[in-house]
PDB file of all heavy atoms in Angstrom:
ATOM      1  N   ASP A   1       0.817  -1.221   0.000  1.00  0.00           N
ATOM      2  CA  ASP A   1       0.000   0.000   0.000  1.00  0.00           C
ATOM      3  C   ASP A   1       0.851   1.271   0.000  1.00  0.00           C
ATOM      4  O   ASP A   1       0.425   2.311  -0.513  1.00  0.00           O
ATOM      5  CB  ASP A   1      -0.930   0.002   1.222  1.00  0.00           C
ATOM      6  CG  ASP A   1      -1.929  -1.138   1.152  1.00  0.00           C
ATOM      7  OD1 ASP A   1      -2.229  -1.574   0.025  1.00  0.00           O
ATOM      8  OD2 ASP A   1      -2.396  -1.597   2.211  1.00  0.00           O
ATOM      9  N   LYS A   2       2.054   1.223   0.581  1.00  0.00           N
ATOM     10  CA  LYS A   2       2.873   2.425   0.709  1.00  0.00           C
ATOM     11  C   LYS A   2       3.967   2.542  -0.345  1.00  0.00           C
ATOM     12  O   LYS A   2       4.753   3.491  -0.305  1.00  0.00           O
ATOM     13  CB  LYS A   2       3.495   2.470   2.104  1.00  0.00           C
ATOM     14  CG  LYS A   2       2.464   2.561   3.227  1.00  0.00           C
ATOM     15  CD  LYS A   2       3.135   2.634   4.591  1.00  0.00           C
ATOM     16  CE  LYS A   2       2.096   2.728   5.707  1.00  0.00           C
ATOM     17  NZ  LYS A   2       2.721   2.807   7.051  1.00  0.00           N
ATOM     18  N   VAL A   3       4.050   1.581  -1.263  1.00  0.00           N
ATOM     19  CA  VAL A   3       5.087   1.642  -2.299  1.00  0.00           C
ATOM     20  C   VAL A   3       4.560   2.488  -3.462  1.00  0.00           C
ATOM     21  O   VAL A   3       3.348   2.661  -3.626  1.00  0.00           O
ATOM     22  CB  VAL A   3       5.465   0.230  -2.798  1.00  0.00           C
ATOM     23  CG1 VAL A   3       5.945  -0.622  -1.653  1.00  0.00           C
ATOM     24  CG2 VAL A   3       4.276  -0.439  -3.492  1.00  0.00           C
ATOM     25  N   PRO A   4       5.452   3.017  -4.290  1.00  0.00           N
ATOM     26  CA  PRO A   4       5.017   3.836  -5.436  1.00  0.00           C
ATOM     27  C   PRO A   4       4.089   3.058  -6.367  1.00  0.00           C
ATOM     28  O   PRO A   4       4.166   1.832  -6.475  1.00  0.00           O
ATOM     29  CB  PRO A   4       6.340   4.194  -6.130  1.00  0.00           C
ATOM     30  CG  PRO A   4       7.367   4.075  -5.051  1.00  0.00           C
ATOM     31  CD  PRO A   4       6.909   2.981  -4.149  1.00  0.00           C
ATOM     32  N   PHE A   5       3.262   3.817  -7.066  1.00  0.00           N
ATOM     33  CA  PHE A   5       2.254   3.207  -7.937  1.00  0.00           C
ATOM     34  C   PHE A   5       2.907   2.357  -9.027  1.00  0.00           C
ATOM     35  O   PHE A   5       2.422   1.267  -9.358  1.00  0.00           O
ATOM     36  CB  PHE A   5       1.387   4.300  -8.574  1.00  0.00           C
ATOM     37  CG  PHE A   5       0.371   3.767  -9.531  1.00  0.00           C
ATOM     38  CD1 PHE A   5      -0.828   3.219  -9.088  1.00  0.00           C
ATOM     39  CD2 PHE A   5       0.625   3.810 -10.906  1.00  0.00           C
ATOM     40  CE1 PHE A   5      -1.752   2.721  -9.992  1.00  0.00           C
ATOM     41  CE2 PHE A   5      -0.307   3.316 -11.810  1.00  0.00           C
ATOM     42  CZ  PHE A   5      -1.489   2.773 -11.345  1.00  0.00           C
ATOM     43  N   ASP A   6       4.008   2.842  -9.617  1.00  0.00           N
ATOM     44  CA  ASP A   6       4.668   2.107 -10.694  1.00  0.00           C
ATOM     45  C   ASP A   6       5.194   0.764 -10.204  1.00  0.00           C
ATOM     46  O   ASP A   6       5.081  -0.255 -10.893  1.00  0.00           O
ATOM     47  CB  ASP A   6       5.826   2.934 -11.272  1.00  0.00           C
ATOM     48  CG  ASP A   6       5.329   4.182 -11.997  1.00  0.00           C
ATOM     49  OD1 ASP A   6       4.139   4.199 -12.358  1.00  0.00           O
ATOM     50  OD2 ASP A   6       6.136   5.123 -12.180  1.00  0.00           O
ATOM     51  N   THR A   7       5.805   0.776  -9.003  1.00  0.00           N
ATOM     52  CA  THR A   7       6.317  -0.475  -8.436  1.00  0.00           C
ATOM     53  C   THR A   7       5.179  -1.441  -8.144  1.00  0.00           C
ATOM     54  O   THR A   7       5.283  -2.648  -8.394  1.00  0.00           O
ATOM     55  CB  THR A   7       7.093  -0.179  -7.133  1.00  0.00           C
ATOM     56  OG1 THR A   7       8.117   0.773  -7.394  1.00  0.00           O
ATOM     57  CG2 THR A   7       7.704  -1.454  -6.581  1.00  0.00           C
ATOM     58  N   ARG A   8       4.089  -0.909  -7.611  1.00  0.00           N
ATOM     59  CA  ARG A   8       2.933  -1.742  -7.315  1.00  0.00           C
ATOM     60  C   ARG A   8       2.386  -2.381  -8.601  1.00  0.00           C
ATOM     61  O   ARG A   8       2.054  -3.573  -8.627  1.00  0.00           O
ATOM     62  CB  ARG A   8       1.854  -0.897  -6.647  1.00  0.00           C
ATOM     63  CG  ARG A   8       0.658  -1.687  -6.165  1.00  0.00           C
ATOM     64  CD  ARG A   8      -0.436  -0.758  -5.661  1.00  0.00           C
ATOM     65  NE  ARG A   8       0.090   0.288  -4.800  1.00  0.00           N
ATOM     66  CZ  ARG A   8      -0.633   1.293  -4.332  1.00  0.00           C
ATOM     67  NH1 ARG A   8      -1.926   1.396  -4.663  1.00  0.00           N
ATOM     68  NH2 ARG A   8      -0.095   2.206  -3.541  1.00  0.00           N
ATOM     69  N   ALA A   9       2.334  -1.583  -9.669  1.00  0.00           N
ATOM     70  CA  ALA A   9       1.824  -2.095 -10.943  1.00  0.00           C
ATOM     71  C   ALA A   9       2.731  -3.185 -11.511  1.00  0.00           C
ATOM     72  O   ALA A   9       2.249  -4.180 -12.078  1.00  0.00           O
ATOM     73  CB  ALA A   9       1.694  -0.947 -11.952  1.00  0.00           C
ATOM     74  N   MET A  10       4.060  -3.026 -11.326  1.00  0.00           N
ATOM     75  CA  MET A  10       4.990  -4.048 -11.802  1.00  0.00           C
ATOM     76  C   MET A  10       4.814  -5.362 -11.058  1.00  0.00           C
ATOM     77  O   MET A  10       4.874  -6.447 -11.656  1.00  0.00           O
ATOM     78  CB  MET A  10       6.434  -3.533 -11.644  1.00  0.00           C
ATOM     79  CG  MET A  10       6.820  -2.414 -12.598  1.00  0.00           C
ATOM     80  SD  MET A  10       8.501  -1.796 -12.297  1.00  0.00           S
ATOM     81  CE  MET A  10       9.443  -3.300 -12.507  1.00  0.00           C
ATOM     82  N   ILE A  11       4.600  -5.257  -9.752  1.00  0.00           N
ATOM     83  CA  ILE A  11       4.407  -6.473  -8.953  1.00  0.00           C
ATOM     84  C   ILE A  11       3.123  -7.194  -9.365  1.00  0.00           C
ATOM     85  O   ILE A  11       3.099  -8.419  -9.551  1.00  0.00           O
ATOM     86  CB  ILE A  11       4.370  -6.125  -7.448  1.00  0.00           C
ATOM     87  CG1 ILE A  11       5.731  -5.596  -6.990  1.00  0.00           C
ATOM     88  CG2 ILE A  11       3.973  -7.348  -6.628  1.00  0.00           C
ATOM     89  CD1 ILE A  11       5.744  -5.103  -5.561  1.00  0.00           C
ATOM     90  N   MET A  12       2.044  -6.441  -9.514  1.00  0.00           N
ATOM     91  CA  MET A  12       0.772  -7.038  -9.907  1.00  0.00           C
ATOM     92  C   MET A  12       0.865  -7.661 -11.297  1.00  0.00           C
ATOM     93  O   MET A  12       0.304  -8.735 -11.549  1.00  0.00           O
ATOM     94  CB  MET A  12      -0.332  -5.987  -9.875  1.00  0.00           C
ATOM     95  CG  MET A  12      -0.561  -5.340  -8.501  1.00  0.00           C
ATOM     96  SD  MET A  12      -1.125  -6.510  -7.243  1.00  0.00           S
ATOM     97  CE  MET A  12      -2.846  -6.672  -7.713  1.00  0.00           C
ATOM     98  N   GLU A  13       1.605  -6.996 -12.195  1.00  0.00           N
ATOM     99  CA  GLU A  13       1.773  -7.534 -13.545  1.00  0.00           C
ATOM    100  C   GLU A  13       2.611  -8.802 -13.530  1.00  0.00           C
ATOM    101  O   GLU A  13       2.353  -9.753 -14.279  1.00  0.00           O
ATOM    102  CB  GLU A  13       2.424  -6.476 -14.442  1.00  0.00           C
ATOM    103  CG  GLU A  13       2.605  -6.938 -15.881  1.00  0.00           C
ATOM    104  CD  GLU A  13       3.288  -5.870 -16.739  1.00  0.00           C
ATOM    105  OE1 GLU A  13       3.612  -4.797 -16.193  1.00  0.00           O
ATOM    106  OE2 GLU A  13       3.488  -6.126 -17.943  1.00  0.00           O
ATOM    107  N   HIS A  14       3.639  -8.832 -12.678  1.00  0.00           N
ATOM    108  CA  HIS A  14       4.524  -9.993 -12.595  1.00  0.00           C
ATOM    109  C   HIS A  14       3.751 -11.242 -12.204  1.00  0.00           C
ATOM    110  O   HIS A  14       4.009 -12.337 -12.739  1.00  0.00           O
ATOM    111  CB  HIS A  14       5.643  -9.714 -11.586  1.00  0.00           C
ATOM    112  CG  HIS A  14       6.520 -10.906 -11.339  1.00  0.00           C
ATOM    113  ND1 HIS A  14       7.449 -11.348 -12.259  1.00  0.00           N
ATOM    114  CD2 HIS A  14       6.601 -11.751 -10.270  1.00  0.00           C
ATOM    115  CE1 HIS A  14       8.072 -12.409 -11.774  1.00  0.00           C
ATOM    116  NE2 HIS A  14       7.584 -12.677 -10.567  1.00  0.00           N
ATOM    117  N   TYR A  15       2.813 -11.092 -11.282  1.00  0.00           N
ATOM    118  CA  TYR A  15       2.029 -12.246 -10.824  1.00  0.00           C
ATOM    119  C   TYR A  15       0.716 -12.421 -11.592  1.00  0.00           C
ATOM    120  O   TYR A  15      -0.073 -13.313 -11.272  1.00  0.00           O
ATOM    121  CB  TYR A  15       1.719 -12.111  -9.334  1.00  0.00           C
ATOM    122  CG  TYR A  15       2.919 -12.337  -8.444  1.00  0.00           C
ATOM    123  CD1 TYR A  15       3.625 -11.257  -7.928  1.00  0.00           C
ATOM    124  CD2 TYR A  15       3.358 -13.614  -8.138  1.00  0.00           C
ATOM    125  CE1 TYR A  15       4.738 -11.445  -7.113  1.00  0.00           C
ATOM    126  CE2 TYR A  15       4.453 -13.823  -7.327  1.00  0.00           C
ATOM    127  CZ  TYR A  15       5.145 -12.734  -6.822  1.00  0.00           C
ATOM    128  OH  TYR A  15       6.244 -12.937  -6.019  1.00  0.00           O
ATOM    129  N   GLY A  16       0.477 -11.593 -12.586  1.00  0.00           N
ATOM    130  CA  GLY A  16      -0.709 -11.729 -13.410  1.00  0.00           C
ATOM    131  C   GLY A  16      -1.984 -11.265 -12.756  1.00  0.00           C
ATOM    132  O   GLY A  16      -3.090 -11.557 -13.237  1.00  0.00           O
ATOM    133  N   LEU A  17      -1.867 -10.499 -11.654  1.00  0.00           N
ATOM    134  CA  LEU A  17      -3.057 -10.050 -10.932  1.00  0.00           C
ATOM    135  C   LEU A  17      -3.679  -8.800 -11.542  1.00  0.00           C
ATOM    136  O   LEU A  17      -4.713  -8.328 -11.056  1.00  0.00           O
ATOM    137  CB  LEU A  17      -2.692  -9.780  -9.458  1.00  0.00           C
ATOM    138  CG  LEU A  17      -2.243 -11.013  -8.660  1.00  0.00           C
ATOM    139  CD1 LEU A  17      -1.873 -10.614  -7.246  1.00  0.00           C
ATOM    140  CD2 LEU A  17      -3.320 -12.087  -8.653  1.00  0.00           C
ATOM    141  N   ASP A  18      -3.046  -8.278 -12.596  1.00  0.00           N
ATOM    142  CA  ASP A  18      -3.631  -7.132 -13.272  1.00  0.00           C
ATOM    143  C   ASP A  18      -4.581  -7.551 -14.397  1.00  0.00           C
ATOM    144  O   ASP A  18      -5.233  -6.710 -15.009  1.00  0.00           O
ATOM    145  CB  ASP A  18      -2.524  -6.246 -13.858  1.00  0.00           C
ATOM    146  CG  ASP A  18      -1.671  -7.003 -14.878  1.00  0.00           C
ATOM    147  OD1 ASP A  18      -1.542  -8.249 -14.742  1.00  0.00           O
ATOM    148  OD2 ASP A  18      -1.133  -6.364 -15.798  1.00  0.00           O
ATOM    149  N   ARG A  19      -4.663  -8.855 -14.665  1.00  0.00           N
ATOM    150  CA  ARG A  19      -5.524  -9.360 -15.719  1.00  0.00           C
ATOM    151  C   ARG A  19      -6.974  -9.418 -15.257  1.00  0.00           C
ATOM    152  O   ARG A  19      -7.247  -9.433 -14.043  1.00  0.00           O
ATOM    153  CB  ARG A  19      -5.072 -10.760 -16.168  1.00  0.00           C
ATOM    154  CG  ARG A  19      -3.586 -10.871 -16.487  1.00  0.00           C
ATOM    155  CD  ARG A  19      -3.140  -9.888 -17.523  1.00  0.00           C
ATOM    156  NE  ARG A  19      -3.836 -10.087 -18.795  1.00  0.00           N
ATOM    157  CZ  ARG A  19      -3.796  -9.273 -19.815  1.00  0.00           C
ATOM    158  NH1 ARG A  19      -3.101  -8.133 -19.712  1.00  0.00           N
ATOM    159  NH2 ARG A  19      -4.439  -9.536 -20.922  1.00  0.00           N
ATOM    160  N   PRO A  20      -7.924  -9.433 -16.166  1.00  0.00           N
ATOM    161  CA  PRO A  20      -9.340  -9.551 -15.783  1.00  0.00           C
ATOM    162  C   PRO A  20      -9.609 -10.820 -14.966  1.00  0.00           C
ATOM    163  O   PRO A  20      -8.916 -11.830 -15.114  1.00  0.00           O
ATOM    164  CB  PRO A  20     -10.067  -9.600 -17.130  1.00  0.00           C
ATOM    165  CG  PRO A  20      -9.128  -8.934 -18.089  1.00  0.00           C
ATOM    166  CD  PRO A  20      -7.752  -9.259 -17.619  1.00  0.00           C
ATOM    167  N   VAL A  21     -10.614 -10.741 -14.133  1.00  0.00           N
ATOM    168  CA  VAL A  21     -10.927 -11.857 -13.225  1.00  0.00           C
ATOM    169  C   VAL A  21     -11.220 -13.140 -13.986  1.00  0.00           C
ATOM    170  O   VAL A  21     -10.712 -14.210 -13.643  1.00  0.00           O
ATOM    171  CB  VAL A  21     -12.129 -11.488 -12.325  1.00  0.00           C
ATOM    172  CG1 VAL A  21     -12.524 -12.669 -11.449  1.00  0.00           C
ATOM    173  CG2 VAL A  21     -11.809 -10.288 -11.466  1.00  0.00           C
ATOM    174  N   MET A  22     -12.042 -13.065 -15.007  1.00  0.00           N
ATOM    175  CA  MET A  22     -12.425 -14.273 -15.735  1.00  0.00           C
ATOM    176  C   MET A  22     -11.232 -14.889 -16.463  1.00  0.00           C
ATOM    177  O   MET A  22     -11.141 -16.115 -16.591  1.00  0.00           O
ATOM    178  CB  MET A  22     -13.547 -13.949 -16.729  1.00  0.00           C
ATOM    179  CG  MET A  22     -14.851 -13.513 -16.077  1.00  0.00           C
ATOM    180  SD  MET A  22     -15.428 -14.679 -14.808  1.00  0.00           S
ATOM    181  CE  MET A  22     -15.664 -16.163 -15.773  1.00  0.00           C
ATOM    182  N   GLU A  23     -10.327 -14.055 -16.922  1.00  0.00           N
ATOM    183  CA  GLU A  23      -9.123 -14.578 -17.565  1.00  0.00           C
ATOM    184  C   GLU A  23      -8.255 -15.325 -16.550  1.00  0.00           C
ATOM    185  O   GLU A  23      -7.737 -16.416 -16.824  1.00  0.00           O
ATOM    186  CB  GLU A  23      -8.332 -13.438 -18.205  1.00  0.00           C
ATOM    187  CG  GLU A  23      -7.079 -13.901 -18.942  1.00  0.00           C
ATOM    188  CD  GLU A  23      -6.326 -12.756 -19.574  1.00  0.00           C
ATOM    189  OE1 GLU A  23      -6.968 -11.732 -19.899  1.00  0.00           O
ATOM    190  OE2 GLU A  23      -5.092 -12.869 -19.738  1.00  0.00           O
ATOM    191  N   ARG A  24      -8.093 -14.716 -15.377  1.00  0.00           N
ATOM    192  CA  ARG A  24      -7.319 -15.388 -14.325  1.00  0.00           C
ATOM    193  C   ARG A  24      -8.009 -16.666 -13.856  1.00  0.00           C
ATOM    194  O   ARG A  24      -7.364 -17.663 -13.556  1.00  0.00           O
ATOM    195  CB  ARG A  24      -7.106 -14.452 -13.136  1.00  0.00           C
ATOM    196  CG  ARG A  24      -6.082 -13.369 -13.421  1.00  0.00           C
ATOM    197  CD  ARG A  24      -5.719 -12.611 -12.172  1.00  0.00           C
ATOM    198  NE  ARG A  24      -6.721 -11.624 -11.824  1.00  0.00           N
ATOM    199  CZ  ARG A  24      -7.346 -11.558 -10.662  1.00  0.00           C
ATOM    200  NH1 ARG A  24      -7.084 -12.443  -9.730  1.00  0.00           N
ATOM    201  NH2 ARG A  24      -8.237 -10.621 -10.438  1.00  0.00           N
ATOM    202  N   PHE A  25      -9.342 -16.625 -13.806  1.00  0.00           N
ATOM    203  CA  PHE A  25     -10.096 -17.804 -13.394  1.00  0.00           C
ATOM    204  C   PHE A  25      -9.906 -18.958 -14.385  1.00  0.00           C
ATOM    205  O   PHE A  25      -9.670 -20.103 -13.983  1.00  0.00           O
ATOM    206  CB  PHE A  25     -11.578 -17.460 -13.270  1.00  0.00           C
ATOM    207  CG  PHE A  25     -12.462 -18.644 -13.075  1.00  0.00           C
ATOM    208  CD1 PHE A  25     -12.473 -19.331 -11.871  1.00  0.00           C
ATOM    209  CD2 PHE A  25     -13.280 -19.095 -14.110  1.00  0.00           C
ATOM    210  CE1 PHE A  25     -13.287 -20.436 -11.689  1.00  0.00           C
ATOM    211  CE2 PHE A  25     -14.091 -20.197 -13.936  1.00  0.00           C
ATOM    212  CZ  PHE A  25     -14.100 -20.871 -12.729  1.00  0.00           C
ATOM    213  N   ALA A  26      -9.992 -18.659 -15.673  1.00  0.00           N
ATOM    214  CA  ALA A  26      -9.819 -19.696 -16.688  1.00  0.00           C
ATOM    215  C   ALA A  26      -8.410 -20.290 -16.628  1.00  0.00           C
ATOM    216  O   ALA A  26      -8.231 -21.512 -16.746  1.00  0.00           O
ATOM    217  CB  ALA A  26     -10.099 -19.117 -18.079  1.00  0.00           C
TER     218      ALA A  26
END
């Protein structure tokens, strides 16, 4: 929560958590 937005976005992208829910579900 306290890290910069860009770093947060990179982490979420690395683990695929930025993808749509249904895509991650499939």
